[in-house]
N, C-alpha and C. Protein backbone atom coordinates (compact mmCIF):
# COMPACT_ATOMS: atom_id res chain seq x y z
N UNK A 1 122.44 175.89 76.33
CA UNK A 1 121.92 175.10 75.32
C UNK A 1 123.25 174.77 73.79
N UNK A 2 123.14 173.63 73.57
CA UNK A 2 124.01 173.77 72.19
C UNK A 2 123.28 174.90 71.24
N UNK A 3 124.06 175.59 70.66
CA UNK A 3 123.80 176.27 69.34
C UNK A 3 123.17 175.32 68.01
N UNK A 4 123.62 174.38 67.85
CA UNK A 4 123.19 173.68 66.98
C UNK A 4 121.72 172.58 67.37
N UNK A 5 121.39 172.93 67.96
CA UNK A 5 119.91 172.24 68.50
C UNK A 5 118.42 172.97 69.02
N UNK A 6 117.91 172.14 68.31
CA UNK A 6 116.47 172.85 68.86
C UNK A 6 115.75 173.34 69.72
N UNK A 7 115.46 174.40 69.90
CA UNK A 7 115.15 175.08 71.54
C UNK A 7 113.60 175.12 71.13
N UNK A 8 112.52 174.31 72.05
CA UNK A 8 111.54 174.26 71.38
C UNK A 8 110.92 175.49 72.56
N UNK A 9 111.59 175.89 73.50
CA UNK A 9 110.80 177.33 73.80
C UNK A 9 111.57 178.46 73.38
N UNK A 10 112.30 178.50 72.12
CA UNK A 10 113.13 179.96 71.91
C UNK A 10 112.09 180.11 70.13
N UNK A 11 112.33 181.07 69.65
CA UNK A 11 111.76 181.43 67.95
C UNK A 11 111.94 180.78 67.14
N UNK A 12 113.06 179.82 67.16
CA UNK A 12 113.80 179.16 66.03
C UNK A 12 112.39 178.83 65.10
N UNK A 13 113.04 178.71 64.20
CA UNK A 13 111.82 178.55 62.87
C UNK A 13 112.77 177.11 62.25
N UNK A 14 113.73 176.53 62.60
CA UNK A 14 114.45 175.22 61.96
C UNK A 14 115.05 174.13 62.88
N UNK A 15 114.56 172.91 62.47
CA UNK A 15 116.03 171.99 63.32
C UNK A 15 117.17 172.38 62.31
N UNK A 16 118.17 172.02 63.43
CA UNK A 16 119.28 172.17 62.92
C UNK A 16 119.79 170.79 61.66
N UNK A 17 120.40 170.56 60.76
CA UNK A 17 120.82 169.84 59.86
C UNK A 17 121.40 168.44 60.70
N UNK A 18 121.97 168.23 61.91
CA UNK A 18 122.30 167.29 62.20
C UNK A 18 121.01 166.71 63.06
N UNK A 19 119.77 166.92 63.26
CA UNK A 19 118.73 166.51 63.94
C UNK A 19 117.70 165.34 62.94
N UNK A 20 117.46 164.39 63.57
CA UNK A 20 116.68 163.41 63.24
C UNK A 20 115.43 163.45 64.04
N UNK A 21 114.37 163.53 62.67
CA UNK A 21 112.86 163.94 63.40
C UNK A 21 112.44 162.95 63.05
N UNK A 22 111.21 162.48 64.03
CA UNK A 22 110.60 161.09 63.21
C UNK A 22 109.12 162.07 63.60
N UNK A 23 108.28 161.12 63.07
CA UNK A 23 106.47 161.72 63.27
C UNK A 23 105.87 159.91 63.38
N UNK A 24 105.12 160.20 64.91
CA UNK A 24 104.61 158.95 65.60
C UNK A 24 103.40 159.06 65.62
N UNK A 25 102.26 158.23 65.21
CA UNK A 25 100.66 158.12 65.17
C UNK A 25 100.23 158.47 66.62
N UNK A 26 100.76 157.59 67.81
CA UNK A 26 100.49 157.46 69.07
C UNK A 26 101.25 158.09 69.90
N UNK A 27 100.80 158.37 71.25
CA UNK A 27 101.56 158.91 72.75
C UNK A 27 102.35 157.94 72.95
N UNK A 28 102.05 156.38 73.34
CA UNK A 28 103.14 155.41 73.70
C UNK A 28 104.36 155.11 72.77
N UNK A 29 104.13 155.60 70.88
CA UNK A 29 104.87 155.18 70.62
C UNK A 29 105.92 156.35 70.94
N UNK A 30 105.68 157.65 70.68
CA UNK A 30 106.47 158.45 71.11
C UNK A 30 107.21 158.50 72.41
N UNK A 31 106.51 158.01 73.43
CA UNK A 31 107.39 157.79 74.31
C UNK A 31 108.23 156.67 74.22
N UNK A 32 107.73 155.75 73.64
CA UNK A 32 108.85 154.43 73.38
C UNK A 32 110.08 154.83 72.13
N UNK A 33 110.04 156.12 71.38
CA UNK A 33 110.75 156.58 70.82
C UNK A 33 112.16 157.33 71.77
N UNK A 34 111.00 158.43 72.70
CA UNK A 34 112.21 158.89 73.43
C UNK A 34 112.86 158.09 74.28
N UNK A 35 112.47 156.80 75.08
CA UNK A 35 113.20 155.76 75.99
C UNK A 35 114.24 155.13 75.32
N UNK A 36 113.85 155.20 73.82
CA UNK A 36 114.66 154.02 73.03
C UNK A 36 116.03 154.94 73.11
N UNK A 37 115.66 156.47 72.21
CA UNK A 37 117.03 157.42 72.15
C UNK A 37 118.20 157.93 73.43
N UNK A 38 116.75 157.39 74.36
CA UNK A 38 117.68 157.71 75.96
C UNK A 38 118.77 156.57 76.11
N UNK A 39 118.17 155.51 75.97
CA UNK A 39 119.01 153.91 76.08
C UNK A 39 120.05 154.15 74.85
N UNK A 40 119.94 154.70 73.70
CA UNK A 40 121.06 154.57 72.99
C UNK A 40 122.33 155.83 73.24
N UNK A 41 121.92 156.70 74.49
CA UNK A 41 123.21 157.45 74.73
C UNK A 41 122.46 159.20 74.27
N UNK A 42 121.34 159.60 74.05
CA UNK A 42 121.05 161.10 73.77
C UNK A 42 120.67 160.87 75.02
N UNK A 43 121.10 162.16 75.22
CA UNK A 43 120.42 162.59 76.85
C UNK A 43 118.88 163.54 76.41
N UNK A 44 118.47 162.76 77.68
CA UNK A 44 116.61 163.28 77.83
C UNK A 44 116.74 164.84 77.62
N UNK A 45 117.52 165.09 77.78
CA UNK A 45 117.09 166.97 77.55
C UNK A 45 117.39 167.68 76.06
N UNK A 46 118.14 166.81 75.26
CA UNK A 46 118.32 166.95 73.97
C UNK A 46 117.25 166.38 73.12
N UNK A 47 116.30 165.89 73.76
CA UNK A 47 115.20 165.17 72.95
C UNK A 47 113.91 165.97 73.09
N UNK A 48 113.41 166.25 71.73
CA UNK A 48 112.18 166.83 71.63
C UNK A 48 110.83 166.43 71.07
N UNK A 49 109.61 166.74 71.98
CA UNK A 49 108.78 165.94 71.20
C UNK A 49 107.29 167.07 71.24
N UNK A 50 106.46 167.41 70.11
CA UNK A 50 105.48 168.24 69.90
C UNK A 50 104.27 167.62 69.61
N UNK A 51 103.50 168.07 69.54
CA UNK A 51 102.21 167.48 69.26
C UNK A 51 101.16 168.68 68.96
N UNK A 52 100.20 168.25 68.08
CA UNK A 52 99.15 168.93 68.17
C UNK A 52 99.13 170.67 67.45
N UNK A 53 97.83 171.18 67.46
CA UNK A 53 98.18 172.83 66.90
C UNK A 53 99.38 173.51 67.85
N UNK A 54 99.59 172.91 68.83
CA UNK A 54 100.49 173.83 69.54
C UNK A 54 102.06 173.84 69.02
N UNK A 55 102.28 172.38 68.54
CA UNK A 55 103.60 171.81 67.95
C UNK A 55 103.70 172.32 66.47
N UNK A 56 102.11 172.24 65.76
CA UNK A 56 102.39 173.10 64.39
C UNK A 56 102.58 174.80 64.07
N UNK A 57 102.23 174.94 65.26
CA UNK A 57 102.60 176.70 65.36
C UNK A 57 103.81 176.97 65.29
N UNK A 58 104.51 176.26 66.36
CA UNK A 58 105.63 176.42 66.80
C UNK A 58 106.65 176.60 65.38
N UNK A 59 106.36 175.35 64.32
CA UNK A 59 106.99 175.36 63.52
C UNK A 59 106.78 176.68 62.78
N UNK A 60 105.34 176.64 62.57
CA UNK A 60 105.73 177.92 61.67
C UNK A 60 106.00 178.08 59.89
N UNK A 61 104.95 177.08 59.55
CA UNK A 61 105.64 176.76 57.85
C UNK A 61 105.86 177.67 57.05
N UNK A 62 104.63 178.95 57.13
CA UNK A 62 104.81 180.16 56.38
C UNK A 62 105.76 181.12 56.99
N UNK A 63 106.06 181.25 58.33
CA UNK A 63 107.07 182.59 59.06
C UNK A 63 106.26 183.85 59.75
N UNK A 64 104.67 183.73 59.37
CA UNK A 64 103.68 184.54 59.53
C UNK A 64 103.95 184.97 61.11
N UNK A 65 103.93 183.44 62.23
CA UNK A 65 103.91 183.93 63.75
C UNK A 65 105.19 184.83 63.71
N UNK A 66 106.28 184.84 63.01
CA UNK A 66 107.73 185.21 63.46
C UNK A 66 107.81 186.48 62.90
N UNK A 67 106.51 187.35 62.50
CA UNK A 67 107.09 188.31 61.69
C UNK A 67 107.71 188.21 60.62
N UNK A 68 108.35 189.75 59.98
CA UNK A 68 108.73 189.75 58.91
C UNK A 68 109.94 188.91 58.44
N UNK A 69 110.76 188.63 59.66
CA UNK A 69 111.74 187.96 59.56
C UNK A 69 111.87 186.22 59.77
N UNK A 70 110.74 185.94 59.72
CA UNK A 70 110.32 184.86 59.88
C UNK A 70 109.98 184.63 58.49
N UNK A 71 109.21 185.26 58.12
CA UNK A 71 108.59 185.33 56.53
C UNK A 71 109.96 185.49 55.60
N UNK A 72 110.74 186.22 55.82
CA UNK A 72 111.75 186.41 54.86
C UNK A 72 112.58 184.83 55.25
N UNK A 73 112.87 184.34 56.48
CA UNK A 73 113.88 183.05 56.50
C UNK A 73 113.16 182.15 55.66
N UNK A 74 111.35 181.91 56.01
CA UNK A 74 110.85 181.07 55.12
C UNK A 74 111.16 180.96 53.19
N UNK A 75 110.86 182.32 52.86
CA UNK A 75 111.14 182.71 51.51
C UNK A 75 112.56 182.42 50.98
N UNK A 76 113.48 182.45 51.80
CA UNK A 76 115.03 181.93 51.45
C UNK A 76 114.57 180.47 51.70
N UNK A 77 114.02 179.71 52.52
CA UNK A 77 114.44 178.60 52.44
C UNK A 77 113.50 178.02 51.30
N UNK A 78 112.67 178.71 51.12
CA UNK A 78 111.89 178.01 49.84
C UNK A 78 112.21 177.96 48.72
N UNK A 79 113.23 178.87 48.23
CA UNK A 79 114.12 179.11 46.82
C UNK A 79 115.73 178.51 47.30
N UNK A 80 115.77 178.18 48.22
CA UNK A 80 117.07 177.70 48.46
C UNK A 80 117.28 176.32 49.14
N UNK A 81 116.51 175.63 49.39
CA UNK A 81 116.47 174.59 50.35
C UNK A 81 115.31 173.48 50.38
N UNK A 82 115.67 172.62 50.57
CA UNK A 82 114.41 171.39 50.52
C UNK A 82 113.54 171.06 51.74
N UNK A 83 113.72 172.23 53.07
CA UNK A 83 113.60 172.12 54.28
C UNK A 83 111.81 172.46 54.23
N UNK A 84 111.57 173.18 53.69
CA UNK A 84 110.03 173.87 53.44
C UNK A 84 108.76 172.76 53.17
N UNK A 85 109.47 171.66 52.06
CA UNK A 85 108.28 170.82 52.35
C UNK A 85 107.98 169.66 53.51
N UNK A 86 109.30 169.74 54.33
CA UNK A 86 109.26 168.50 55.00
C UNK A 86 108.62 169.56 56.54
N UNK A 87 108.87 170.78 56.34
CA UNK A 87 108.57 171.60 57.71
C UNK A 87 106.64 171.96 57.68
N UNK A 88 106.16 171.96 56.02
CA UNK A 88 105.07 172.18 55.97
C UNK A 88 104.18 170.23 56.34
N UNK A 89 104.66 169.01 55.93
CA UNK A 89 104.30 168.19 56.67
C UNK A 89 104.12 167.64 57.92
N UNK A 90 105.52 168.24 58.41
CA UNK A 90 105.59 168.27 59.80
C UNK A 90 104.36 168.81 59.98
N UNK A 91 103.98 169.70 59.85
CA UNK A 91 103.06 170.80 60.99
C UNK A 91 101.66 170.00 60.45
N UNK A 92 101.38 169.48 59.18
CA UNK A 92 99.98 169.24 59.04
C UNK A 92 99.81 167.65 59.95
N UNK A 93 101.11 166.54 59.83
CA UNK A 93 101.15 165.79 60.64
C UNK A 93 100.80 166.11 62.08
N UNK A 94 100.99 167.00 62.80
CA UNK A 94 101.13 167.51 64.09
C UNK A 94 99.49 167.84 64.31
N UNK A 95 98.92 168.79 63.08
CA UNK A 95 97.81 169.18 63.15
C UNK A 95 96.63 168.19 63.14
N UNK A 96 97.02 166.81 62.95
CA UNK A 96 96.33 166.01 62.61
C UNK A 96 96.16 164.93 63.61
N UNK A 97 97.32 165.29 64.65
CA UNK A 97 97.24 164.47 66.03
C UNK A 97 98.32 163.64 66.38
N UNK A 98 98.83 163.56 65.35
CA UNK A 98 100.52 163.16 65.65
C UNK A 98 101.84 163.63 66.30
N UNK A 99 102.45 162.70 66.64
CA UNK A 99 103.84 163.25 67.99
C UNK A 99 104.80 163.51 67.05
N UNK A 100 106.14 164.08 66.87
CA UNK A 100 107.11 164.93 66.55
C UNK A 100 108.23 164.15 67.35
N UNK A 101 108.86 163.67 67.05
CA UNK A 101 110.13 163.40 67.90
C UNK A 101 111.03 163.78 67.42
N UNK A 102 112.12 164.84 68.10
CA UNK A 102 113.49 165.12 67.35
C UNK A 102 114.49 164.91 68.46
N UNK A 103 116.09 164.45 67.68
CA UNK A 103 116.84 164.42 68.58
C UNK A 103 118.18 164.60 67.48
N UNK A 104 119.32 164.83 68.27
CA UNK A 104 120.44 165.24 67.34
C UNK A 104 121.04 163.91 67.18
N UNK A 105 121.63 163.97 65.85
CA UNK A 105 122.39 162.56 64.94
C UNK A 105 123.52 163.27 65.25
N UNK A 106 124.29 162.39 66.00
CA UNK A 106 125.68 162.31 66.32
C UNK A 106 126.26 161.69 65.22
N UNK A 107 127.71 162.19 64.95
CA UNK A 107 128.32 161.60 63.67
C UNK A 107 128.36 159.82 63.98
N UNK A 108 128.44 159.43 65.00
CA UNK A 108 128.63 157.69 64.64
C UNK A 108 127.42 156.81 65.36
N UNK A 109 125.77 157.58 65.06
CA UNK A 109 124.87 157.40 65.60
C UNK A 109 124.22 157.11 64.15
């Protein structure tokens, strides 16, 4: 796995800076987005889809699920970064039943 890519099976708390994240309402929209990304040359294994409460837990906006290190990570982000509002919104969208699609953004894409 590339170091810069979010791994949904790891305990990563954030997407890397070079990741595009989209929120979609329906499963067929998420599937179509994945198909389009693949047709644009993004390898399927580098595209990640999350949904529902399990996806929101994975994002862990508070950092609590990741213990003291996770809380510290989120605290630092809160004071020095704009990521926290995005992560909170993404988690809320997932809890509402929407789908998150994430893929790497290459320099020329």
